[in-house]
Amino acid sequence: MADVAEVVVYRGLLASVAKRYIVFEAYPVDTNDTITIGELTVLTGVTGATLYRLDTGALVTCTTTGTSNVITVTNAGLVDVPVVGIASGN
């Protein structure tokens, strides 16, 4: 289990609901790794996240707590997989 650094490729703000979102890449990702989204605050955290494998386009399962800026990869069997994701929060 490791914390994998993300590379932000796009930043956005949906002003009508005051939510920020980022699109990012992370590599290499294994099952049970974490991705800490530094641009979203620890206090309100990541309120939603979706990850996709860059090599196959398949959805990668993950969890967020809504009170932390950490995404945990829960998809079984991942070893050194490149992912792209989107995360929203404050």
Protein backbone atom coordinates (compact mmCIF):
# COMPACT_ATOMS: atom_id res chain seq x y z
CA MET A 1 0.00 0.00 0.00
CA ALA A 2 1.46 3.32 -1.09
CA ASP A 3 0.34 6.89 -1.55
CA VAL A 4 0.59 7.59 -5.28
CA ALA A 5 1.16 11.16 -6.43
CA GLU A 6 -1.38 12.67 -8.80
CA VAL A 7 -0.62 14.94 -11.73
CA VAL A 8 -3.45 17.44 -12.23
CA VAL A 9 -4.32 17.95 -15.90
CA TYR A 10 -7.44 20.14 -15.50
CA ARG A 11 -9.03 22.27 -12.78
CA GLY A 12 -12.60 23.50 -12.76
CA LEU A 13 -15.14 25.26 -10.57
CA LEU A 14 -18.90 24.86 -10.73
CA ALA A 15 -19.69 28.25 -9.24
CA SER A 16 -23.43 27.69 -8.89
CA VAL A 17 -22.82 25.07 -6.17
CA ALA A 18 -19.32 26.21 -5.08
CA LYS A 19 -17.71 22.86 -5.88
CA ARG A 20 -14.27 22.41 -7.38
CA TYR A 21 -13.25 19.47 -9.51
CA ILE A 22 -9.97 18.24 -10.89
CA VAL A 23 -8.97 15.75 -13.56
CA PHE A 24 -5.75 13.93 -12.77
CA GLU A 25 -3.44 11.06 -13.74
CA ALA A 26 -1.72 8.67 -11.33
CA TYR A 27 0.84 5.93 -11.98
CA PRO A 28 1.68 3.25 -10.91
CA VAL A 29 -1.44 2.25 -8.98
CA ASP A 30 -1.96 -1.04 -7.15
CA THR A 31 -4.90 -2.40 -5.18
CA ASN A 32 -5.18 -0.67 -1.76
CA ASP A 33 -3.02 2.28 -2.81
CA THR A 34 -4.17 5.78 -1.91
CA ILE A 35 -4.18 8.96 -3.94
CA THR A 36 -4.08 12.14 -1.86
CA ILE A 37 -5.62 15.08 -3.69
CA GLY A 38 -3.58 17.99 -2.41
CA GLU A 39 -5.72 20.66 -4.08
CA LEU A 40 -8.86 19.72 -2.15
CA THR A 41 -8.95 20.61 1.53
CA VAL A 42 -8.61 18.01 4.24
CA LEU A 43 -11.52 19.50 6.19
CA THR A 44 -14.27 18.99 3.59
CA GLY A 45 -12.34 16.56 1.46
CA VAL A 46 -13.14 14.69 -1.71
CA THR A 47 -16.91 14.37 -1.96
CA GLY A 48 -16.80 12.13 -5.03
CA ALA A 49 -14.26 10.40 -7.25
CA THR A 50 -14.14 8.15 -10.30
CA LEU A 51 -11.08 6.36 -11.66
CA TYR A 52 -10.49 4.71 -15.05
CA ARG A 53 -7.66 2.50 -16.26
CA LEU A 54 -5.69 4.27 -18.98
CA ASP A 55 -4.63 0.98 -20.58
CA THR A 56 -8.14 -0.51 -21.00
CA GLY A 57 -10.61 2.28 -20.18
CA ALA A 58 -12.25 0.08 -17.53
CA LEU A 59 -13.73 1.62 -14.39
CA VAL A 60 -11.57 1.22 -11.28
CA THR A 61 -13.42 0.91 -7.98
CA CYS A 62 -12.42 3.32 -5.24
CA THR A 63 -13.72 4.83 -2.03
CA THR A 64 -13.72 8.27 -0.43
CA THR A 65 -14.81 9.28 3.04
CA GLY A 66 -16.12 12.75 2.23
CA THR A 67 -14.13 14.14 5.17
CA SER A 68 -10.63 13.49 3.82
CA ASN A 69 -8.75 14.35 0.65
CA VAL A 70 -7.71 10.70 0.16
CA ILE A 71 -9.03 8.28 -2.48
CA THR A 72 -8.47 4.57 -1.75
CA VAL A 73 -8.22 2.16 -4.69
CA THR A 74 -10.30 -0.94 -3.87
CA ASN A 75 -10.32 -2.72 -7.24
CA ALA A 76 -8.86 -6.23 -6.79
CA GLY A 77 -5.87 -7.41 -8.80
CA LEU A 78 -4.35 -4.09 -9.87
CA VAL A 79 -0.57 -3.98 -10.25
CA ASP A 80 1.27 -1.00 -11.77
CA VAL A 81 -1.80 0.33 -13.58
CA PRO A 82 -1.99 3.87 -14.97
CA VAL A 83 -5.25 5.62 -14.04
CA VAL A 84 -7.02 8.85 -14.86
CA GLY A 85 -9.59 10.23 -12.46
CA ILE A 86 -11.91 13.03 -11.59
CA ALA A 87 -12.46 14.22 -8.03
CA SER A 88 -14.83 16.84 -6.70
CA GLY A 89 -14.89 18.67 -3.40
CA ASN A 90 -14.13 22.01 -1.79
